[in-house]
Structure formats: C-alpha cells, structure tokens
Amino acid sequence: MKSFQKHFHLMLLPGMALLIVFHLVPMFGVLIAFQDFNIGLGIRNSPWIGLENFEYLFQIRDSKVIFYNTIFISMGKIIAGLVVPVTFAILLNELRLAAFKRWVQTIVYLPHFLSWVILAGVMIDMLSMDGIVNNVIGLFGGERIMFLASNEWFPWLIIGSDTWKDFGFAAIVYLAALAGIDPTLYEAADIDGATRFQKIVYITFPNLVPTIILLATLSIGNILNAGFDQIFNLYNPLVYPSGDVIDTYVYRVGLVEAQYGFATAVGLLKSVIGFILIVISYRLAYRYANYRIF
C-alpha cells in the first residue's frame, strides 16, 4: 500500500468509528422486536415471542391509520417537492436582473437552514386563533379556523410547510441543470421568432425532464419518511387521526407507553420496506436515467 493511501485510510478511521458505534452496534437492539421485552430482564432474559408483535400490528386499527397518513403525507411532499422547485427554477432562470436574482435565491434558501423547532414556533404563532392568518381572515369577514387542531387542514399544512422550507434549496439542482443547456438552442429559437414562453415549453422544460425523472425515482425510497421532526413539533392529540405517522407512532408507543418490543417491530417493518423501496428506486433510476453510484 502506498504511503498516501495509508493517510486516506487513517482519515477514514474517525468516521468508521462513529458509524460502528452509533449505527451498527445499536442494530442488535432490533432483537427486542421478536421478544416480549421487559426492561428489567433485558434482551438476554426477556421471553421470545417470534412474530407476535408484527401480527398484533396488523390487527389493530391504528396500523391502517398510520400507514395511510404516512403514505398520504409523503406522497404529497414528493409531488409538491418536485413541482414547486422546478417551477421556481424556471421562473428564476428567466429573470434578467442578476442582483435581484441573487437576492431572491438567498431569501428562499434561508428556511432550509432553520430547524423545525424554530419553524414550528413560527407556524404555531401565525396559525393560532389570534395569529396573523386568522386576523386577515377576520378582516374579510371569514370565520377563524383552528388550523393545527383540524384534521382537514393539518395534513395540507404539513405538506405546504415542508415544501416552503425546502423548495429553494431543492431548486439548486434544477438551476444547475438549466445552466448546462446549450445556449445555441435559445439563439436558434430567437432567430425563429420564438417567444419566451415557447422557449420554456420547447427547450427549457424538455432539458429538465431527465433530472426530474431521476429525482422523482430516487424519492420513491423515502415514501415512508413523512418527517418526524416536523410533525412532532406541530401535532397534538386532536390531529392524531390525520397527522400520526409511523415515526411519531413509534415514539409514542415506544418511549411514552413503554411498549418497547412492539414499537421496535413497527420501526423494523418500516425500515425493511424502506430498504426494498430504495433498492427498487435505485434500479429504476439506473434503468431510466442512467444513474448509478456503484
């Protein structure tokens, strides 16, 4: 082994140590998904019950609710997370004032760097009964709405706020793709008398399609990740029927109600399904967008 290669391997050691300690060693904890786990007996002495925790999961009504909520919210986030950044990137690309363009980019990037603890506080303040949103509704004669206590509004607020937080940052990929479009295509379109809208329809958007397909395909792997941080900081018992997803359910059942074995079974099932979806999305991305890591 050459000396410079040894240095590279030594540089990997801290990262590998963190990976082993915080990601691989805790994996042994999944064993309690197959046990009637008793914290006093520990993993070694708790009785084994096979797949009973998984069978119980599919017998209770909560399982249907949390799987439906998870898939509905995730699908909404994926669709909005594709449409809004693409639209924003195309519109931003049409701006001619460079200074204003940079200002807009900076403004829309900012929410991405704020945690959901901060953003949830802002949203709760804005959407409360005496918040700015309800005050505006009141000015136009409308009835005030309990947004964060309404099962009709809550899932859409989750999808909308997630899109608002990340659409600016997600647009970076599309702006990079737009920068790679051959400028001679636009020059030829100018000679043919094409309008700006026609250039968007026939040049800009078709060149973005491969990137959109790639990101849409890769997002399939996250269809069971509805976003624990966001929902945990915004929801309450009134909106459990529409806002409780797998991750928040695992938290409530496992840490609040101390059903460790059952909560681990739910989390393990989600991880297995998520792993299968990631493999499928990776193969689809390789097949339709020629994308591969290995």
Protein backbone atom coordinates (compact mmCIF):
# COMPACT_ATOMS: atom_id res chain seq x y z
CA MET A 1 0.00 0.00 0.00
CA LYS A 2 1.38 3.40 -0.98
CA SER A 3 2.05 5.95 1.76
CA PHE A 4 -0.59 8.43 0.54
CA GLN A 5 -3.19 5.64 0.56
CA LYS A 6 -2.39 4.93 4.22
CA HIS A 7 -3.15 8.56 5.02
CA PHE A 8 -6.53 8.27 3.32
CA HIS A 9 -7.36 5.15 5.31
CA LEU A 10 -6.31 6.85 8.56
CA MET A 11 -8.59 9.76 7.70
CA LEU A 12 -11.47 7.29 7.39
CA LEU A 13 -10.98 5.87 10.89
CA PRO A 14 -12.93 8.54 12.88
CA GLY A 15 -15.89 8.29 10.52
CA MET A 16 -15.82 4.49 10.58
CA ALA A 17 -15.66 4.51 14.39
CA LEU A 18 -18.73 6.78 14.59
CA LEU A 19 -20.54 4.58 12.06
CA ILE A 20 -19.83 1.42 14.07
CA VAL A 21 -20.65 2.89 17.49
CA PHE A 22 -23.81 4.82 16.60
CA HIS A 23 -25.22 2.86 13.63
CA LEU A 24 -24.04 -0.76 13.61
CA VAL A 25 -23.85 -1.61 17.35
CA PRO A 26 -27.41 -0.30 18.08
CA MET A 27 -28.69 -2.66 15.35
CA PHE A 28 -28.56 -5.50 17.89
CA GLY A 29 -31.48 -3.75 19.58
CA VAL A 30 -33.84 -4.93 16.82
CA LEU A 31 -33.88 -8.29 18.59
CA ILE A 32 -36.48 -6.95 21.03
CA ALA A 33 -38.95 -6.78 18.12
CA PHE A 34 -39.17 -10.57 18.50
CA GLN A 35 -39.43 -10.56 22.29
CA ASP A 36 -41.95 -9.74 24.99
CA PHE A 37 -39.35 -7.28 26.14
CA ASN A 38 -39.08 -6.50 29.82
CA ILE A 39 -36.64 -3.73 30.65
CA GLY A 40 -35.88 -5.39 34.00
CA LEU A 41 -34.92 -8.68 32.35
CA GLY A 42 -33.00 -7.16 29.46
CA ILE A 43 -32.53 -8.60 25.98
CA ARG A 44 -30.86 -11.81 27.23
CA ASN A 45 -33.63 -12.89 29.61
CA SER A 46 -36.80 -11.50 28.00
CA PRO A 47 -39.02 -14.26 26.51
CA TRP A 48 -39.01 -14.79 22.75
CA ILE A 49 -42.41 -14.50 21.04
CA GLY A 50 -41.47 -14.75 17.39
CA LEU A 51 -43.63 -12.61 15.08
CA GLU A 52 -46.41 -11.83 17.56
CA ASN A 53 -45.56 -8.11 17.64
CA PHE A 54 -45.85 -7.94 13.85
CA GLU A 55 -49.13 -9.90 13.86
CA TYR A 56 -50.54 -7.56 16.51
CA LEU A 57 -49.55 -4.56 14.36
CA PHE A 58 -51.81 -5.69 11.51
CA GLN A 59 -54.70 -6.47 13.87
CA ILE A 60 -55.07 -3.03 15.43
CA ARG A 61 -56.91 -0.15 13.74
CA ASP A 62 -54.05 2.26 14.40
CA SER A 63 -51.85 0.45 11.87
CA LYS A 64 -54.15 1.34 8.97
CA VAL A 65 -54.34 4.96 10.10
CA ILE A 66 -50.59 5.47 10.49
CA PHE A 67 -49.71 3.74 7.21
CA TYR A 68 -52.35 5.77 5.34
CA ASN A 69 -51.21 9.04 6.93
CA THR A 70 -47.55 8.25 6.24
CA ILE A 71 -48.09 7.43 2.57
CA PHE A 72 -50.52 10.34 2.00
CA ILE A 73 -48.23 12.95 3.57
CA SER A 74 -45.09 11.51 1.95
CA MET A 75 -46.68 11.40 -1.50
CA GLY A 76 -47.90 14.97 -1.08
CA LYS A 77 -44.41 16.10 -0.09
CA ILE A 78 -42.81 14.26 -3.01
CA ILE A 79 -45.21 15.70 -5.61
CA ALA A 80 -45.07 19.24 -4.24
CA GLY A 81 -41.31 18.88 -3.74
CA LEU A 82 -40.92 18.23 -7.46
CA VAL A 83 -43.44 20.65 -8.97
CA VAL A 84 -42.64 23.75 -6.90
CA PRO A 85 -38.80 23.71 -7.23
CA VAL A 86 -39.00 23.05 -10.98
CA THR A 87 -41.45 25.93 -11.47
CA PHE A 88 -39.39 28.22 -9.26
CA ALA A 89 -36.12 27.34 -11.03
CA ILE A 90 -37.63 28.02 -14.46
CA LEU A 91 -39.09 31.37 -13.37
CA LEU A 92 -35.86 32.37 -11.62
CA ASN A 93 -33.91 31.46 -14.73
CA GLU A 94 -36.00 33.92 -16.72
CA LEU A 95 -35.05 36.86 -14.50
CA ARG A 96 -32.61 39.20 -16.17
CA LEU A 97 -31.62 41.37 -13.17
CA ALA A 98 -28.70 39.43 -11.66
CA ALA A 99 -28.75 41.31 -8.34
CA PHE A 100 -32.46 40.73 -7.83
CA LYS A 101 -32.00 37.07 -8.84
CA ARG A 102 -29.31 36.55 -6.17
CA TRP A 103 -31.48 38.33 -3.57
CA VAL A 104 -34.44 36.05 -4.32
CA GLN A 105 -32.24 32.95 -4.16
CA THR A 106 -30.83 33.97 -0.78
CA ILE A 107 -34.28 34.66 0.69
CA VAL A 108 -35.77 31.31 -0.38
CA TYR A 109 -32.72 29.34 0.80
CA LEU A 110 -32.97 30.63 4.38
CA PRO A 111 -35.84 28.41 5.71
CA HIS A 112 -33.88 25.29 4.75
CA PHE A 113 -31.24 26.09 7.37
CA LEU A 114 -33.73 26.60 10.21
CA SER A 115 -34.76 23.68 12.40
CA TRP A 116 -38.35 22.53 12.71
CA VAL A 117 -38.30 23.60 16.35
CA ILE A 118 -37.94 27.22 15.23
CA LEU A 119 -40.25 26.96 12.23
CA ALA A 120 -42.92 25.14 14.25
CA GLY A 121 -42.90 28.03 16.74
CA VAL A 122 -43.35 30.50 13.89
CA MET A 123 -46.18 28.45 12.37
CA ILE A 124 -47.99 28.00 15.68
CA ASP A 125 -47.81 31.74 16.28
CA MET A 126 -49.06 32.59 12.77
CA LEU A 127 -51.84 29.98 12.67
CA SER A 128 -53.20 30.38 16.18
CA MET A 129 -56.73 31.74 16.68
CA ASP A 130 -55.36 35.25 17.23
CA GLY A 131 -52.47 34.87 14.78
CA ILE A 132 -51.86 36.91 11.64
CA VAL A 133 -53.56 34.40 9.32
CA ASN A 134 -56.81 34.36 11.27
CA ASN A 135 -56.66 38.14 11.67
CA VAL A 136 -56.52 38.51 7.87
CA ILE A 137 -59.42 36.05 7.51
CA GLY A 138 -61.34 38.08 10.09
CA LEU A 139 -60.74 41.33 8.15
CA PHE A 140 -62.54 39.83 5.14
CA GLY A 141 -65.44 38.62 7.26
CA GLY A 142 -64.45 34.95 7.40
CA GLU A 143 -64.65 32.65 10.41
CA ARG A 144 -61.46 31.95 12.31
CA ILE A 145 -60.04 28.45 11.78
CA MET A 146 -58.20 26.22 14.28
CA PHE A 147 -55.66 25.15 11.67
CA LEU A 148 -53.48 23.00 13.94
CA ALA A 149 -56.48 21.29 15.54
CA SER A 150 -58.33 20.48 12.32
CA ASN A 151 -57.94 17.05 10.73
CA GLU A 152 -58.93 18.57 7.38
CA TRP A 153 -56.22 21.24 7.41
CA PHE A 154 -53.37 19.54 9.26
CA PRO A 155 -52.01 17.18 6.52
CA TRP A 156 -52.05 20.02 3.96
CA LEU A 157 -50.25 22.33 6.38
CA ILE A 158 -47.58 19.68 6.85
CA ILE A 159 -47.13 19.27 3.09
CA GLY A 160 -47.23 23.02 2.43
CA SER A 161 -44.80 23.99 5.18
CA ASP A 162 -42.33 21.26 4.17
CA THR A 163 -42.43 22.49 0.58
CA TRP A 164 -41.98 26.11 1.70
CA LYS A 165 -38.97 25.16 3.82
CA ASP A 166 -37.05 23.24 1.16
CA PHE A 167 -38.17 24.32 -2.31
CA GLY A 168 -35.47 26.98 -2.59
CA PHE A 169 -32.70 24.59 -1.68
CA ALA A 170 -34.12 21.84 -3.92
CA ALA A 171 -34.15 24.25 -6.85
CA ILE A 172 -30.32 24.31 -6.83
CA VAL A 173 -30.24 21.00 -8.72
CA TYR A 174 -32.59 22.30 -11.39
CA LEU A 175 -30.72 25.60 -11.70
CA ALA A 176 -27.53 23.59 -12.27
CA ALA A 177 -29.33 21.58 -14.98
CA LEU A 178 -30.56 24.81 -16.58
CA ALA A 179 -27.02 26.18 -16.64
CA GLY A 180 -25.97 23.16 -18.70
CA ILE A 181 -28.43 23.79 -21.54
CA ASP A 182 -26.70 24.66 -24.82
CA PRO A 183 -27.22 28.45 -25.34
CA THR A 184 -27.21 27.96 -29.13
CA LEU A 185 -30.65 26.37 -28.76
CA TYR A 186 -32.02 29.67 -27.43
CA GLU A 187 -30.19 31.63 -30.15
CA ALA A 188 -31.75 29.44 -32.83
CA ALA A 189 -35.16 29.92 -31.20
CA ASP A 190 -34.65 33.72 -31.20
CA ILE A 191 -33.88 33.63 -34.93
CA ASP A 192 -37.08 31.62 -35.50
CA GLY A 193 -39.05 34.26 -33.55
CA ALA A 194 -39.96 32.08 -30.57
CA THR A 195 -41.46 33.82 -27.53
CA ARG A 196 -40.06 33.32 -24.02
CA PHE A 197 -42.95 31.04 -23.14
CA GLN A 198 -42.32 28.91 -26.25
CA LYS A 199 -38.63 28.63 -25.36
CA ILE A 200 -39.61 27.41 -21.88
CA VAL A 201 -42.02 24.83 -23.32
CA TYR A 202 -39.85 23.51 -26.15
CA ILE A 203 -36.27 23.98 -24.83
CA THR A 204 -36.05 24.59 -21.08
CA PHE A 205 -38.55 22.07 -19.76
CA PRO A 206 -37.55 19.15 -22.05
CA ASN A 207 -33.95 19.56 -20.90
CA LEU A 208 -35.08 19.36 -17.27
CA VAL A 209 -37.08 16.17 -17.77
CA PRO A 210 -34.13 13.72 -17.18
CA THR A 211 -33.32 15.48 -13.88
CA ILE A 212 -36.98 15.45 -12.83
CA ILE A 213 -37.27 11.73 -13.62
CA LEU A 214 -34.09 10.96 -11.69
CA LEU A 215 -35.12 12.87 -8.55
CA ALA A 216 -38.68 11.52 -8.72
CA THR A 217 -37.40 7.97 -8.98
CA LEU A 218 -34.96 8.35 -6.10
CA SER A 219 -37.68 9.89 -3.92
CA ILE A 220 -39.65 6.62 -4.03
CA GLY A 221 -37.27 5.29 -1.39
CA ASN A 222 -38.46 7.96 1.07
CA ILE A 223 -42.16 7.25 0.71
CA LEU A 224 -42.34 6.01 4.32
CA ASN A 225 -40.41 9.01 5.69
CA ALA A 226 -43.10 11.58 6.37
CA GLY A 227 -40.84 13.70 8.60
CA PHE A 228 -40.72 13.06 12.36
CA ASP A 229 -39.25 16.42 13.43
CA GLN A 230 -41.83 18.49 11.59
CA ILE A 231 -44.92 16.55 12.68
CA PHE A 232 -43.72 16.00 16.25
CA ASN A 233 -43.29 19.75 16.75
CA LEU A 234 -46.65 20.64 15.20
CA TYR A 235 -49.17 17.94 16.07
CA ASN A 236 -51.33 17.33 19.12
CA PRO A 237 -53.81 14.60 20.21
CA LEU A 238 -56.65 16.33 18.31
CA VAL A 239 -54.98 15.65 14.94
CA TYR A 240 -53.70 12.11 15.59
CA PRO A 241 -56.28 10.69 13.10
CA SER A 242 -54.77 12.73 10.24
CA GLY A 243 -51.24 13.50 11.40
CA ASP A 244 -49.93 10.48 13.24
CA VAL A 245 -47.32 8.76 11.04
CA ILE A 246 -45.14 5.70 11.60
CA ASP A 247 -42.25 7.60 13.20
CA THR A 248 -44.41 9.56 15.65
CA TYR A 249 -46.42 6.42 16.47
CA VAL A 250 -43.20 4.53 17.26
CA TYR A 251 -42.14 7.37 19.54
CA ARG A 252 -45.46 7.46 21.40
CA VAL A 253 -45.83 3.71 21.76
CA GLY A 254 -42.18 3.00 22.49
CA LEU A 255 -40.99 5.83 24.70
CA VAL A 256 -44.24 7.22 26.14
CA GLU A 257 -46.22 3.98 26.64
CA ALA A 258 -43.09 1.81 27.18
CA GLN A 259 -44.13 -0.89 24.66
CA TYR A 260 -40.55 -1.31 23.51
CA GLY A 261 -40.90 -4.61 21.65
CA PHE A 262 -43.98 -3.54 19.70
CA ALA A 263 -42.54 -0.12 18.81
CA THR A 264 -39.33 -1.77 17.60
CA ALA A 265 -41.36 -4.15 15.43
CA VAL A 266 -43.13 -1.19 13.79
CA GLY A 267 -39.86 0.63 13.21
CA LEU A 268 -38.17 -2.52 11.88
CA LEU A 269 -41.02 -3.17 9.44
CA LYS A 270 -40.77 0.39 8.19
CA SER A 271 -37.00 0.06 7.73
CA VAL A 272 -37.33 -3.19 5.77
CA ILE A 273 -39.99 -1.73 3.46
CA GLY A 274 -37.93 1.45 3.06
CA PHE A 275 -34.82 -0.58 2.17
CA ILE A 276 -36.76 -2.51 -0.50
CA LEU A 277 -38.13 0.74 -1.94
CA ILE A 278 -34.65 2.29 -2.05
CA VAL A 279 -33.31 -0.73 -3.97
CA ILE A 280 -36.24 -0.52 -6.41
CA SER A 281 -35.84 3.25 -6.89
CA TYR A 282 -32.10 2.85 -7.45
CA ARG A 283 -32.68 0.22 -10.13
CA LEU A 284 -35.36 2.39 -11.79
CA ALA A 285 -33.03 5.39 -11.72
CA TYR A 286 -30.31 3.31 -13.37
CA ARG A 287 -32.70 2.00 -16.00
CA TYR A 288 -34.48 5.23 -16.95
CA ALA A 289 -31.93 7.95 -16.09
CA ASN A 290 -28.63 6.05 -16.36
CA TYR A 291 -27.88 6.98 -12.74
CA ARG A 292 -25.62 4.76 -10.68
CA ILE A 293 -23.36 5.11 -7.67
CA PHE A 294 -21.53 1.79 -7.80
